Amino acid sequence: MFLSGTKKYHFDSVPYLGRALELKQNDAQYTLGLLYFHQGNKQMGMEILQNYSKDNPNNCQVKKIIKAIKSGGLKFESS
């Protein structure tokens, strides 16, 4: 989580988040989905966020993010 929260190293966190998923730490899907979206891999980001939403149906925040992505309203500033 620390790496994903840094401006310089956030993309370096992808392999670690992937490993967390392999170890059944499914909450990593949230951050990983956002990172893929931020990298420009919108399809992969959306798939991961939708899986996270299915696993966490009461999480309103991820539903808002998915809706914003679909409407084109979610944008990241370039670093």
PDB file of N, CA and C in Angstrom:
ATOM      1  N   MET A   1       0.830  -1.196   0.000  1.00  0.00           N
ATOM      2  CA  MET A   1       0.000   0.000   0.000  1.00  0.00           C
ATOM      3  C   MET A   1       0.870   1.254   0.000  1.00  0.00           C
ATOM      4  N   PHE A   2       2.001   1.194   0.707  1.00  0.00           N
ATOM      5  CA  PHE A   2       2.851   2.372   0.766  1.00  0.00           C
ATOM      6  C   PHE A   2       3.311   2.788  -0.624  1.00  0.00           C
ATOM      7  N   LEU A   3       3.818   1.829  -1.402  1.00  0.00           N
ATOM      8  CA  LEU A   3       4.301   2.161  -2.742  1.00  0.00           C
ATOM      9  C   LEU A   3       3.195   2.740  -3.610  1.00  0.00           C
ATOM     10  N   SER A   4       1.997   2.178  -3.520  1.00  0.00           N
ATOM     11  CA  SER A   4       0.905   2.656  -4.373  1.00  0.00           C
ATOM     12  C   SER A   4       0.494   4.075  -4.016  1.00  0.00           C
ATOM     13  N   GLY A   5       0.817   4.514  -2.808  1.00  0.00           N
ATOM     14  CA  GLY A   5       0.468   5.866  -2.376  1.00  0.00           C
ATOM     15  C   GLY A   5       1.532   6.908  -2.676  1.00  0.00           C
ATOM     16  N   THR A   6       2.639   6.487  -3.294  1.00  0.00           N
ATOM     17  CA  THR A   6       3.701   7.437  -3.609  1.00  0.00           C
ATOM     18  C   THR A   6       3.618   7.849  -5.065  1.00  0.00           C
ATOM     19  N   LYS A   7       3.996   9.072  -5.326  1.00  0.00           N
ATOM     20  CA  LYS A   7       3.943   9.580  -6.690  1.00  0.00           C
ATOM     21  C   LYS A   7       5.004   8.929  -7.578  1.00  0.00           C
ATOM     22  N   LYS A   8       6.168   8.696  -7.011  1.00  0.00           N
ATOM     23  CA  LYS A   8       7.284   8.191  -7.805  1.00  0.00           C
ATOM     24  C   LYS A   8       7.242   6.682  -8.024  1.00  0.00           C
ATOM     25  N   TYR A   9       6.749   5.920  -7.038  1.00  0.00           N
ATOM     26  CA  TYR A   9       6.865   4.469  -7.092  1.00  0.00           C
ATOM     27  C   TYR A   9       5.528   3.721  -7.182  1.00  0.00           C
ATOM     28  N   HIS A  10       4.444   4.429  -7.420  1.00  0.00           N
ATOM     29  CA  HIS A  10       3.149   3.736  -7.365  1.00  0.00           C
ATOM     30  C   HIS A  10       3.031   2.600  -8.383  1.00  0.00           C
ATOM     31  N   PHE A  11       3.634   2.732  -9.549  1.00  0.00           N
ATOM     32  CA  PHE A  11       3.544   1.644 -10.521  1.00  0.00           C
ATOM     33  C   PHE A  11       4.373   0.435 -10.091  1.00  0.00           C
ATOM     34  N   ASP A  12       5.379   0.665  -9.254  1.00  0.00           N
ATOM     35  CA  ASP A  12       6.197  -0.445  -8.752  1.00  0.00           C
ATOM     36  C   ASP A  12       5.418  -1.346  -7.803  1.00  0.00           C
ATOM     37  N   SER A  13       4.284  -0.886  -7.322  1.00  0.00           N
ATOM     38  CA  SER A  13       3.502  -1.678  -6.366  1.00  0.00           C
ATOM     39  C   SER A  13       2.671  -2.766  -7.043  1.00  0.00           C
ATOM     40  N   VAL A  14       2.524  -2.714  -8.359  1.00  0.00           N
ATOM     41  CA  VAL A  14       1.673  -3.677  -9.064  1.00  0.00           C
ATOM     42  C   VAL A  14       2.079  -5.131  -8.799  1.00  0.00           C
ATOM     43  N   PRO A  15       3.372  -5.496  -8.895  1.00  0.00           N
ATOM     44  CA  PRO A  15       3.719  -6.899  -8.622  1.00  0.00           C
ATOM     45  C   PRO A  15       3.418  -7.316  -7.186  1.00  0.00           C
ATOM     46  N   TYR A  16       3.575  -6.397  -6.254  1.00  0.00           N
ATOM     47  CA  TYR A  16       3.308  -6.722  -4.853  1.00  0.00           C
ATOM     48  C   TYR A  16       1.811  -6.909  -4.608  1.00  0.00           C
ATOM     49  N   LEU A  17       1.012  -6.084  -5.250  1.00  0.00           N
ATOM     50  CA  LEU A  17      -0.439  -6.243  -5.135  1.00  0.00           C
ATOM     51  C   LEU A  17      -0.889  -7.537  -5.805  1.00  0.00           C
ATOM     52  N   GLY A  18      -0.266  -7.872  -6.934  1.00  0.00           N
ATOM     53  CA  GLY A  18      -0.560  -9.144  -7.589  1.00  0.00           C
ATOM     54  C   GLY A  18      -0.228 -10.327  -6.692  1.00  0.00           C
ATOM     55  N   ARG A  19       0.894 -10.228  -5.996  1.00  0.00           N
ATOM     56  CA  ARG A  19       1.279 -11.294  -5.064  1.00  0.00           C
ATOM     57  C   ARG A  19       0.283 -11.377  -3.909  1.00  0.00           C
ATOM     58  N   ALA A  20      -0.183 -10.228  -3.430  1.00  0.00           N
ATOM     59  CA  ALA A  20      -1.188 -10.224  -2.362  1.00  0.00           C
ATOM     60  C   ALA A  20      -2.446 -10.954  -2.823  1.00  0.00           C
ATOM     61  N   LEU A  21      -2.833 -10.766  -4.064  1.00  0.00           N
ATOM     62  CA  LEU A  21      -4.004 -11.478  -4.593  1.00  0.00           C
ATOM     63  C   LEU A  21      -3.758 -12.979  -4.649  1.00  0.00           C
ATOM     64  N   GLU A  22      -2.549 -13.370  -5.051  1.00  0.00           N
ATOM     65  CA  GLU A  22      -2.212 -14.793  -5.065  1.00  0.00           C
ATOM     66  C   GLU A  22      -2.337 -15.407  -3.672  1.00  0.00           C
ATOM     67  N   LEU A  23      -2.075 -14.598  -2.658  1.00  0.00           N
ATOM     68  CA  LEU A  23      -2.156 -15.049  -1.271  1.00  0.00           C
ATOM     69  C   LEU A  23      -3.552 -14.837  -0.684  1.00  0.00           C
ATOM     70  N   LYS A  24      -4.532 -14.619  -1.574  1.00  0.00           N
ATOM     71  CA  LYS A  24      -5.947 -14.477  -1.201  1.00  0.00           C
ATOM     72  C   LYS A  24      -6.248 -13.234  -0.374  1.00  0.00           C
ATOM     73  N   GLN A  25      -5.455 -12.183  -0.559  1.00  0.00           N
ATOM     74  CA  GLN A  25      -5.730 -10.897   0.079  1.00  0.00           C
ATOM     75  C   GLN A  25      -6.532 -10.065  -0.926  1.00  0.00           C
ATOM     76  N   ASN A  26      -7.818 -10.376  -1.042  1.00  0.00           N
ATOM     77  CA  ASN A  26      -8.641  -9.831  -2.110  1.00  0.00           C
ATOM     78  C   ASN A  26      -8.893  -8.330  -2.024  1.00  0.00           C
ATOM     79  N   ASP A  27      -8.632  -7.723  -0.880  1.00  0.00           N
ATOM     80  CA  ASP A  27      -8.782  -6.272  -0.800  1.00  0.00           C
ATOM     81  C   ASP A  27      -7.764  -5.545  -1.680  1.00  0.00           C
ATOM     82  N   ALA A  28      -6.702  -6.239  -2.077  1.00  0.00           N
ATOM     83  CA  ALA A  28      -5.704  -5.643  -2.968  1.00  0.00           C
ATOM     84  C   ALA A  28      -6.302  -5.330  -4.341  1.00  0.00           C
ATOM     85  N   GLN A  29      -7.428  -5.943  -4.672  1.00  0.00           N
ATOM     86  CA  GLN A  29      -8.078  -5.688  -5.965  1.00  0.00           C
ATOM     87  C   GLN A  29      -8.429  -4.212  -6.135  1.00  0.00           C
ATOM     88  N   TYR A  30      -8.844  -3.582  -5.065  1.00  0.00           N
ATOM     89  CA  TYR A  30      -9.266  -2.175  -5.116  1.00  0.00           C
ATOM     90  C   TYR A  30      -8.118  -1.298  -5.616  1.00  0.00           C
ATOM     91  N   THR A  31      -6.977  -1.386  -4.942  1.00  0.00           N
ATOM     92  CA  THR A  31      -5.828  -0.571  -5.316  1.00  0.00           C
ATOM     93  C   THR A  31      -5.281  -0.981  -6.672  1.00  0.00           C
ATOM     94  N   LEU A  32      -5.208  -2.276  -6.921  1.00  0.00           N
ATOM     95  CA  LEU A  32      -4.681  -2.760  -8.196  1.00  0.00           C
ATOM     96  C   LEU A  32      -5.555  -2.301  -9.361  1.00  0.00           C
ATOM     97  N   GLY A  33      -6.864  -2.361  -9.201  1.00  0.00           N
ATOM     98  CA  GLY A  33      -7.759  -1.891 -10.253  1.00  0.00           C
ATOM     99  C   GLY A  33      -7.551  -0.422 -10.563  1.00  0.00           C
ATOM    100  N   LEU A  34      -7.404   0.388  -9.521  1.00  0.00           N
ATOM    101  CA  LEU A  34      -7.166   1.814  -9.730  1.00  0.00           C
ATOM    102  C   LEU A  34      -5.809   2.067 -10.387  1.00  0.00           C
ATOM    103  N   LEU A  35      -4.803   1.305  -9.987  1.00  0.00           N
ATOM    104  CA  LEU A  35      -3.487   1.480 -10.603  1.00  0.00           C
ATOM    105  C   LEU A  35      -3.490   1.121 -12.084  1.00  0.00           C
ATOM    106  N   TYR A  36      -4.151   0.010 -12.438  1.00  0.00           N
ATOM    107  CA  TYR A  36      -4.237  -0.340 -13.855  1.00  0.00           C
ATOM    108  C   TYR A  36      -4.976   0.749 -14.639  1.00  0.00           C
ATOM    109  N   PHE A  37      -6.045   1.264 -14.067  1.00  0.00           N
ATOM    110  CA  PHE A  37      -6.767   2.343 -14.737  1.00  0.00           C
ATOM    111  C   PHE A  37      -5.852   3.552 -14.912  1.00  0.00           C
ATOM    112  N   HIS A  38      -5.124   3.900 -13.872  1.00  0.00           N
ATOM    113  CA  HIS A  38      -4.220   5.042 -13.922  1.00  0.00           C
ATOM    114  C   HIS A  38      -3.125   4.839 -14.958  1.00  0.00           C
ATOM    115  N   GLN A  39      -2.676   3.606 -15.137  1.00  0.00           N
ATOM    116  CA  GLN A  39      -1.653   3.292 -16.138  1.00  0.00           C
ATOM    117  C   GLN A  39      -2.199   3.386 -17.558  1.00  0.00           C
ATOM    118  N   GLY A  40      -3.494   3.459 -17.705  1.00  0.00           N
ATOM    119  CA  GLY A  40      -4.101   3.502 -19.028  1.00  0.00           C
ATOM    120  C   GLY A  40      -4.696   2.182 -19.457  1.00  0.00           C
ATOM    121  N   ASN A  41      -4.573   1.145 -18.627  1.00  0.00           N
ATOM    122  CA  ASN A  41      -5.158  -0.155 -18.930  1.00  0.00           C
ATOM    123  C   ASN A  41      -6.566  -0.182 -18.321  1.00  0.00           C
ATOM    124  N   LYS A  42      -7.452   0.550 -18.963  1.00  0.00           N
ATOM    125  CA  LYS A  42      -8.799   0.749 -18.424  1.00  0.00           C
ATOM    126  C   LYS A  42      -9.601  -0.542 -18.350  1.00  0.00           C
ATOM    127  N   GLN A  43      -9.444  -1.409 -19.342  1.00  0.00           N
ATOM    128  CA  GLN A  43     -10.197  -2.661 -19.346  1.00  0.00           C
ATOM    129  C   GLN A  43      -9.805  -3.544 -18.164  1.00  0.00           C
ATOM    130  N   MET A  44      -8.509  -3.704 -17.938  1.00  0.00           N
ATOM    131  CA  MET A  44      -8.043  -4.524 -16.820  1.00  0.00           C
ATOM    132  C   MET A  44      -8.449  -3.893 -15.493  1.00  0.00           C
ATOM    133  N   GLY A  45      -8.301  -2.595 -15.392  1.00  0.00           N
ATOM    134  CA  GLY A  45      -8.701  -1.901 -14.173  1.00  0.00           C
ATOM    135  C   GLY A  45     -10.173  -2.091 -13.867  1.00  0.00           C
ATOM    136  N   MET A  46     -10.995  -1.978 -14.894  1.00  0.00           N
ATOM    137  CA  MET A  46     -12.437  -2.147 -14.710  1.00  0.00           C
ATOM    138  C   MET A  46     -12.778  -3.574 -14.296  1.00  0.00           C
ATOM    139  N   GLU A  47     -12.156  -4.550 -14.931  1.00  0.00           N
ATOM    140  CA  GLU A  47     -12.417  -5.949 -14.574  1.00  0.00           C
ATOM    141  C   GLU A  47     -12.085  -6.213 -13.110  1.00  0.00           C
ATOM    142  N   ILE A  48     -10.946  -5.730 -12.678  1.00  0.00           N
ATOM    143  CA  ILE A  48     -10.530  -5.958 -11.293  1.00  0.00           C
ATOM    144  C   ILE A  48     -11.457  -5.236 -10.321  1.00  0.00           C
ATOM    145  N   LEU A  49     -11.827  -4.000 -10.632  1.00  0.00           N
ATOM    146  CA  LEU A  49     -12.738  -3.260  -9.751  1.00  0.00           C
ATOM    147  C   LEU A  49     -14.117  -3.914  -9.699  1.00  0.00           C
ATOM    148  N   GLN A  50     -14.588  -4.438 -10.822  1.00  0.00           N
ATOM    149  CA  GLN A  50     -15.881  -5.115 -10.818  1.00  0.00           C
ATOM    150  C   GLN A  50     -15.827  -6.402  -9.992  1.00  0.00           C
ATOM    151  N   ASN A  51     -14.711  -7.130 -10.075  1.00  0.00           N
ATOM    152  CA  ASN A  51     -14.551  -8.318  -9.232  1.00  0.00           C
ATOM    153  C   ASN A  51     -14.537  -7.936  -7.758  1.00  0.00           C
ATOM    154  N   TYR A  52     -13.849  -6.866  -7.453  1.00  0.00           N
ATOM    155  CA  TYR A  52     -13.814  -6.381  -6.073  1.00  0.00           C
ATOM    156  C   TYR A  52     -15.221  -6.019  -5.600  1.00  0.00           C
ATOM    157  N   SER A  53     -15.976  -5.364  -6.466  1.00  0.00           N
ATOM    158  CA  SER A  53     -17.342  -4.966  -6.126  1.00  0.00           C
ATOM    159  C   SER A  53     -18.232  -6.176  -5.873  1.00  0.00           C
ATOM    160  N   LYS A  54     -18.054  -7.232  -6.668  1.00  0.00           N
ATOM    161  CA  LYS A  54     -18.831  -8.457  -6.450  1.00  0.00           C
ATOM    162  C   LYS A  54     -18.497  -9.081  -5.103  1.00  0.00           C
ATOM    163  N   ASP A  55     -17.204  -9.036  -4.739  1.00  0.00           N
ATOM    164  CA  ASP A  55     -16.766  -9.595  -3.458  1.00  0.00           C
ATOM    165  C   ASP A  55     -17.172  -8.722  -2.277  1.00  0.00           C
ATOM    166  N   ASN A  56     -17.429  -7.442  -2.535  1.00  0.00           N
ATOM    167  CA  ASN A  56     -17.753  -6.460  -1.497  1.00  0.00           C
ATOM    168  C   ASN A  56     -18.991  -5.670  -1.901  1.00  0.00           C
ATOM    169  N   PRO A  57     -20.151  -6.316  -1.964  1.00  0.00           N
ATOM    170  CA  PRO A  57     -21.353  -5.667  -2.500  1.00  0.00           C
ATOM    171  C   PRO A  57     -21.834  -4.453  -1.699  1.00  0.00           C
ATOM    172  N   ASN A  58     -21.396  -4.306  -0.466  1.00  0.00           N
ATOM    173  CA  ASN A  58     -21.825  -3.157   0.338  1.00  0.00           C
ATOM    174  C   ASN A  58     -20.876  -1.969   0.250  1.00  0.00           C
ATOM    175  N   ASN A  59     -19.823  -2.079  -0.549  1.00  0.00           N
ATOM    176  CA  ASN A  59     -18.863  -0.994  -0.691  1.00  0.00           C
ATOM    177  C   ASN A  59     -19.380   0.005  -1.722  1.00  0.00           C
ATOM    178  N   CYS A  60     -19.919   1.094  -1.234  1.00  0.00           N
ATOM    179  CA  CYS A  60     -20.492   2.121  -2.120  1.00  0.00           C
ATOM    180  C   CYS A  60     -19.415   2.889  -2.873  1.00  0.00           C
ATOM    181  N   GLN A  61     -18.238   3.036  -2.275  1.00  0.00           N
ATOM    182  CA  GLN A  61     -17.164   3.802  -2.906  1.00  0.00           C
ATOM    183  C   GLN A  61     -16.743   3.173  -4.227  1.00  0.00           C
ATOM    184  N   VAL A  62     -16.546   1.865  -4.254  1.00  0.00           N
ATOM    185  CA  VAL A  62     -16.110   1.221  -5.492  1.00  0.00           C
ATOM    186  C   VAL A  62     -17.208   1.300  -6.551  1.00  0.00           C
ATOM    187  N   LYS A  63     -18.447   1.261  -6.135  1.00  0.00           N
ATOM    188  CA  LYS A  63     -19.553   1.408  -7.098  1.00  0.00           C
ATOM    189  C   LYS A  63     -19.535   2.801  -7.727  1.00  0.00           C
ATOM    190  N   LYS A  64     -19.220   3.820  -6.932  1.00  0.00           N
ATOM    191  CA  LYS A  64     -19.122   5.188  -7.454  1.00  0.00           C
ATOM    192  C   LYS A  64     -17.962   5.302  -8.441  1.00  0.00           C
ATOM    193  N   ILE A  65     -16.854   4.654  -8.106  1.00  0.00           N
ATOM    194  CA  ILE A  65     -15.687   4.697  -8.994  1.00  0.00           C
ATOM    195  C   ILE A  65     -15.991   4.011 -10.315  1.00  0.00           C
ATOM    196  N   ILE A  66     -16.624   2.846 -10.268  1.00  0.00           N
ATOM    197  CA  ILE A  66     -16.996   2.129 -11.492  1.00  0.00           C
ATOM    198  C   ILE A  66     -17.936   2.983 -12.341  1.00  0.00           C
ATOM    199  N   LYS A  67     -18.889   3.608 -11.702  1.00  0.00           N
ATOM    200  CA  LYS A  67     -19.826   4.475 -12.422  1.00  0.00           C
ATOM    201  C   LYS A  67     -19.083   5.653 -13.066  1.00  0.00           C
ATOM    202  N   ALA A  68     -18.139   6.235 -12.333  1.00  0.00           N
ATOM    203  CA  ALA A  68     -17.365   7.356 -12.875  1.00  0.00           C
ATOM    204  C   ALA A  68     -16.504   6.925 -14.050  1.00  0.00           C
ATOM    205  N   ILE A  69     -15.934   5.731 -13.976  1.00  0.00           N
ATOM    206  CA  ILE A  69     -15.135   5.222 -15.096  1.00  0.00           C
ATOM    207  C   ILE A  69     -16.018   5.039 -16.325  1.00  0.00           C
ATOM    208  N   LYS A  70     -17.172   4.427 -16.131  1.00  0.00           N
ATOM    209  CA  LYS A  70     -18.075   4.182 -17.267  1.00  0.00           C
ATOM    210  C   LYS A  70     -18.550   5.466 -17.906  1.00  0.00           C
ATOM    211  N   SER A  71     -18.742   6.513 -17.093  1.00  0.00           N
ATOM    212  CA  SER A  71     -19.229   7.787 -17.631  1.00  0.00           C
ATOM    213  C   SER A  71     -18.102   8.669 -18.153  1.00  0.00           C
ATOM    214  N   GLY A  72     -16.859   8.224 -17.940  1.00  0.00           N
ATOM    215  CA  GLY A  72     -15.723   9.030 -18.371  1.00  0.00           C
ATOM    216  C   GLY A  72     -15.368  10.126 -17.391  1.00  0.00           C
ATOM    217  N   GLY A  73     -15.949  10.068 -16.204  1.00  0.00           N
ATOM    218  CA  GLY A  73     -15.734  11.127 -15.225  1.00  0.00           C
ATOM    219  C   GLY A  73     -14.553  10.920 -14.301  1.00  0.00           C
ATOM    220  N   LEU A  74     -13.879   9.777 -14.379  1.00  0.00           N
ATOM    221  CA  LEU A  74     -12.732   9.533 -13.523  1.00  0.00           C
ATOM    222  C   LEU A  74     -11.470   9.793 -14.323  1.00  0.00           C
ATOM    223  N   LYS A  75     -10.666  10.730 -13.846  1.00  0.00           N
ATOM    224  CA  LYS A  75      -9.434  11.067 -14.524  1.00  0.00           C
ATOM    225  C   LYS A  75      -8.334  11.209 -13.486  1.00  0.00           C
ATOM    226  N   PHE A  76      -7.131  10.864 -13.880  1.00  0.00           N
ATOM    227  CA  PHE A  76      -5.971  11.030 -13.014  1.00  0.00           C
ATOM    228  C   PHE A  76      -5.072  12.082 -13.636  1.00  0.00           C
ATOM    229  N   GLU A  77      -4.473  12.894 -12.780  1.00  0.00           N
ATOM    230  CA  GLU A  77      -3.497  13.856 -13.261  1.00  0.00           C
ATOM    231  C   GLU A  77      -2.235  13.103 -13.648  1.00  0.00           C
ATOM    232  N   SER A  78      -1.597  13.541 -14.718  1.00  0.00           N
ATOM    233  CA  SER A  78      -0.343  12.884 -15.092  1.00  0.00           C
ATOM    234  C   SER A  78       0.741  13.301 -14.114  1.00  0.00           C
ATOM    235  N   SER A  79       1.605  12.318 -13.805  1.00  0.00           N
ATOM    236  CA  SER A  79       2.655  12.599 -12.817  1.00  0.00           C
ATOM    237  C   SER A  79       3.935  13.054 -13.465  1.00  0.00           C
TER     238      SER A  79
END
